[in-house]
Protein backbone atom coordinates (compact mmCIF):
# COMPACT_ATOMS: atom_id res chain seq x y z
CA MET A 1 -69.35 -75.58 6.57
CA ASP A 2 -66.90 -75.80 3.77
CA SER A 3 -63.35 -76.73 4.62
CA PRO A 4 -60.63 -74.40 3.36
CA PRO A 5 -58.99 -75.51 0.14
CA ALA A 6 -55.68 -77.33 0.53
CA ILE A 7 -52.71 -75.27 -0.50
CA GLY A 8 -50.83 -76.55 -3.51
CA LEU A 9 -53.37 -79.28 -4.36
CA ASP A 10 -55.48 -77.34 -6.89
CA THR A 11 -55.48 -79.26 -10.14
CA GLU A 12 -57.04 -76.47 -12.13
CA ASP A 13 -54.32 -73.91 -11.45
CA ALA A 14 -53.20 -72.25 -14.68
CA GLY A 15 -49.80 -71.31 -13.21
CA ASP A 16 -48.66 -74.92 -13.04
CA ASP A 17 -48.79 -75.29 -16.81
CA SER A 18 -46.59 -72.26 -17.38
CA ASP A 19 -44.04 -73.52 -14.82
CA GLU A 20 -43.86 -76.88 -16.54
CA GLU A 21 -43.41 -75.18 -19.90
CA SER A 22 -40.58 -73.00 -18.61
CA LEU A 23 -38.82 -76.08 -17.25
CA LYS A 24 -39.31 -77.90 -20.54
CA GLU A 25 -37.92 -74.94 -22.47
CA LEU A 26 -34.57 -75.09 -20.66
CA GLU A 27 -33.04 -78.51 -21.03
CA GLY A 28 -29.54 -79.75 -21.67
CA ASN A 29 -27.04 -77.14 -22.82
CA GLU A 30 -29.55 -74.29 -22.59
CA LEU A 31 -30.21 -75.06 -18.93
CA PHE A 32 -26.46 -75.31 -18.27
CA ARG A 33 -25.78 -71.95 -19.99
CA SER A 34 -28.62 -70.29 -18.10
CA LEU A 35 -27.34 -71.56 -14.73
CA GLU A 36 -23.77 -70.59 -15.61
CA ALA A 37 -24.89 -67.05 -16.52
CA ALA A 38 -26.80 -66.77 -13.24
CA THR A 39 -23.72 -67.94 -11.33
CA LYS A 40 -21.47 -65.46 -13.12
CA SER A 41 -23.86 -62.60 -12.47
CA ALA A 42 -24.11 -63.50 -8.76
CA TYR A 43 -20.30 -63.70 -8.54
CA ALA A 44 -19.94 -60.37 -10.33
CA GLU A 45 -22.44 -58.80 -7.92
CA LEU A 46 -20.52 -60.14 -4.91
CA MET A 47 -17.14 -59.02 -6.23
CA LYS A 48 -18.26 -55.48 -7.08
CA LEU A 49 -16.42 -52.76 -5.18
CA LYS A 50 -18.39 -51.54 -2.21
CA THR A 51 -18.29 -48.19 -0.47
CA LYS A 52 -17.46 -47.81 3.21
CA GLN A 53 -21.11 -47.10 3.90
CA GLN A 54 -22.17 -50.34 2.20
CA TRP A 55 -19.57 -52.33 4.18
CA LYS A 56 -20.69 -50.74 7.44
CA GLN A 57 -24.32 -51.54 6.66
CA GLY A 58 -23.47 -55.13 5.71
CA GLU A 59 -21.41 -55.67 8.86
CA SER A 60 -24.17 -54.25 11.04
CA GLU A 61 -26.64 -56.71 9.52
CA LEU A 62 -24.42 -59.67 10.48
CA LYS A 63 -25.60 -60.00 14.06
CA GLY A 64 -23.77 -62.52 16.20
CA VAL A 65 -21.20 -63.27 13.53
CA TYR A 66 -17.48 -62.61 14.01
CA THR A 67 -16.54 -60.03 11.40
CA GLY A 68 -12.87 -59.42 12.14
CA ARG A 69 -12.11 -55.73 12.27
CA ALA A 70 -15.72 -54.57 12.19
CA ALA A 71 -16.47 -51.73 14.59
CA GLN A 72 -19.10 -53.79 16.39
CA THR A 73 -16.66 -56.66 16.94
CA LEU A 74 -13.92 -54.33 18.16
CA ASP A 75 -16.36 -52.71 20.59
CA ASP A 76 -17.38 -56.13 21.90
CA HIS A 77 -13.72 -57.10 22.43
CA ARG A 78 -13.04 -53.79 24.19
CA LEU A 79 -16.04 -54.22 26.49
CA LYS A 80 -15.07 -57.79 27.36
CA ALA A 81 -11.46 -56.76 28.07
CA ASN A 82 -12.61 -53.92 30.36
CA ALA A 83 -14.99 -56.23 32.21
CA LYS A 84 -12.25 -58.85 32.63
CA ALA A 85 -9.78 -56.24 33.90
CA ALA A 86 -12.31 -55.01 36.47
CA THR A 87 -13.08 -58.56 37.60
CA ASP A 88 -9.37 -59.42 37.83
CA ALA A 89 -8.70 -56.31 39.93
CA VAL A 90 -11.45 -57.26 42.38
CA ILE A 91 -10.17 -60.83 42.60
CA ARG A 92 -6.55 -59.72 42.95
CA ASN A 93 -7.40 -57.46 45.89
CA SER A 94 -9.78 -59.88 47.59
CA TYR A 95 -9.31 -61.32 51.06
CA GLU A 96 -9.00 -64.85 49.66
CA ALA A 97 -6.22 -63.82 47.29
CA GLU A 98 -4.32 -62.15 50.13
CA ARG A 99 -4.65 -65.30 52.25
CA PHE A 100 -3.44 -67.42 49.33
CA ARG A 101 -0.37 -65.21 48.84
CA SER A 102 0.41 -65.13 52.55
CA PHE A 103 0.19 -68.93 52.73
CA PHE A 104 2.83 -69.38 50.04
CA LYS A 105 4.93 -66.37 50.97
CA ARG A 106 8.24 -67.40 52.46
CA ASN A 107 9.23 -65.61 55.64
CA ARG A 108 12.92 -64.77 55.37
CA SER A 109 15.02 -64.06 58.37
CA SER A 110 17.27 -61.03 58.34
CA THR A 111 20.40 -63.22 58.41
CA GLU A 112 19.35 -65.37 55.46
CA GLU A 113 21.06 -64.45 52.25
CA THR A 114 18.98 -63.89 49.18
CA LEU A 115 20.24 -65.04 45.83
CA PRO A 116 20.51 -62.48 43.05
CA SER A 117 18.02 -62.80 40.23
CA SER A 118 20.20 -62.27 37.15
CA PRO A 119 23.22 -64.29 35.97
CA LYS A 120 25.44 -61.19 36.08
CA LYS A 121 24.58 -60.57 39.71
CA CYS A 122 25.22 -64.24 40.51
CA ALA A 123 28.66 -63.99 38.88
CA ARG A 124 29.49 -60.86 40.89
CA VAL A 125 28.45 -62.53 44.15
CA ALA A 126 30.54 -65.60 43.29
CA ALA A 127 33.57 -63.45 42.49
CA ALA A 128 33.19 -61.45 45.70
CA THR A 129 32.84 -64.65 47.72
CA ALA A 130 35.98 -66.09 46.11
CA LEU A 131 37.92 -62.90 46.85
CA GLN A 132 36.73 -62.95 50.44
CA ALA A 133 37.82 -66.57 50.82
CA SER A 134 41.24 -65.88 49.32
CA ASP A 135 41.63 -62.79 51.53
CA THR A 136 40.77 -64.88 54.58
CA VAL A 137 43.31 -67.53 53.61
CA PHE A 138 45.94 -64.84 52.98
CA ALA A 139 45.24 -63.23 56.36
CA ARG A 140 45.54 -66.61 58.16
CA ILE A 141 48.83 -67.34 56.45
CA GLN A 142 50.18 -63.91 57.43
CA ILE A 143 49.13 -64.47 61.04
CA LEU A 144 50.85 -67.86 61.09
CA ILE A 145 54.04 -66.44 59.58
CA ASN A 146 54.13 -63.51 61.98
CA SER A 147 53.47 -65.71 64.99
CA GLY A 148 56.47 -67.86 64.10
CA LEU A 149 54.78 -71.12 63.47
């Protein structure tokens, strides 16, 4: 049985001579100019204006890559947000969450005063308390005067 020929080890290949000649033809400044022209043409191809259809096709070919405002990326974000909202709703209404809230919930008695939440309300309560105190003092003084003490 003959073994299959090794790939790339043929010494009698006529194509190798032409490749060597093409490399020898472009040396120095010629090689530099050729590479520069290839770079410019690739840049020009990339910077060409594209239609919406071409952009859509290009974005669809980029699988698994974040593409900013691409429709596929926006759909993925929307799906993830909906899934998270559904999960959060289930967790929020779960038995464990209710137990957690009830553990930290402060039981207030009906006689306990609650403090107002905004600074304006706090100022009003302070003013009302001060008026009440001054009214009480005034009433006591009037009682003392009227009683003859």
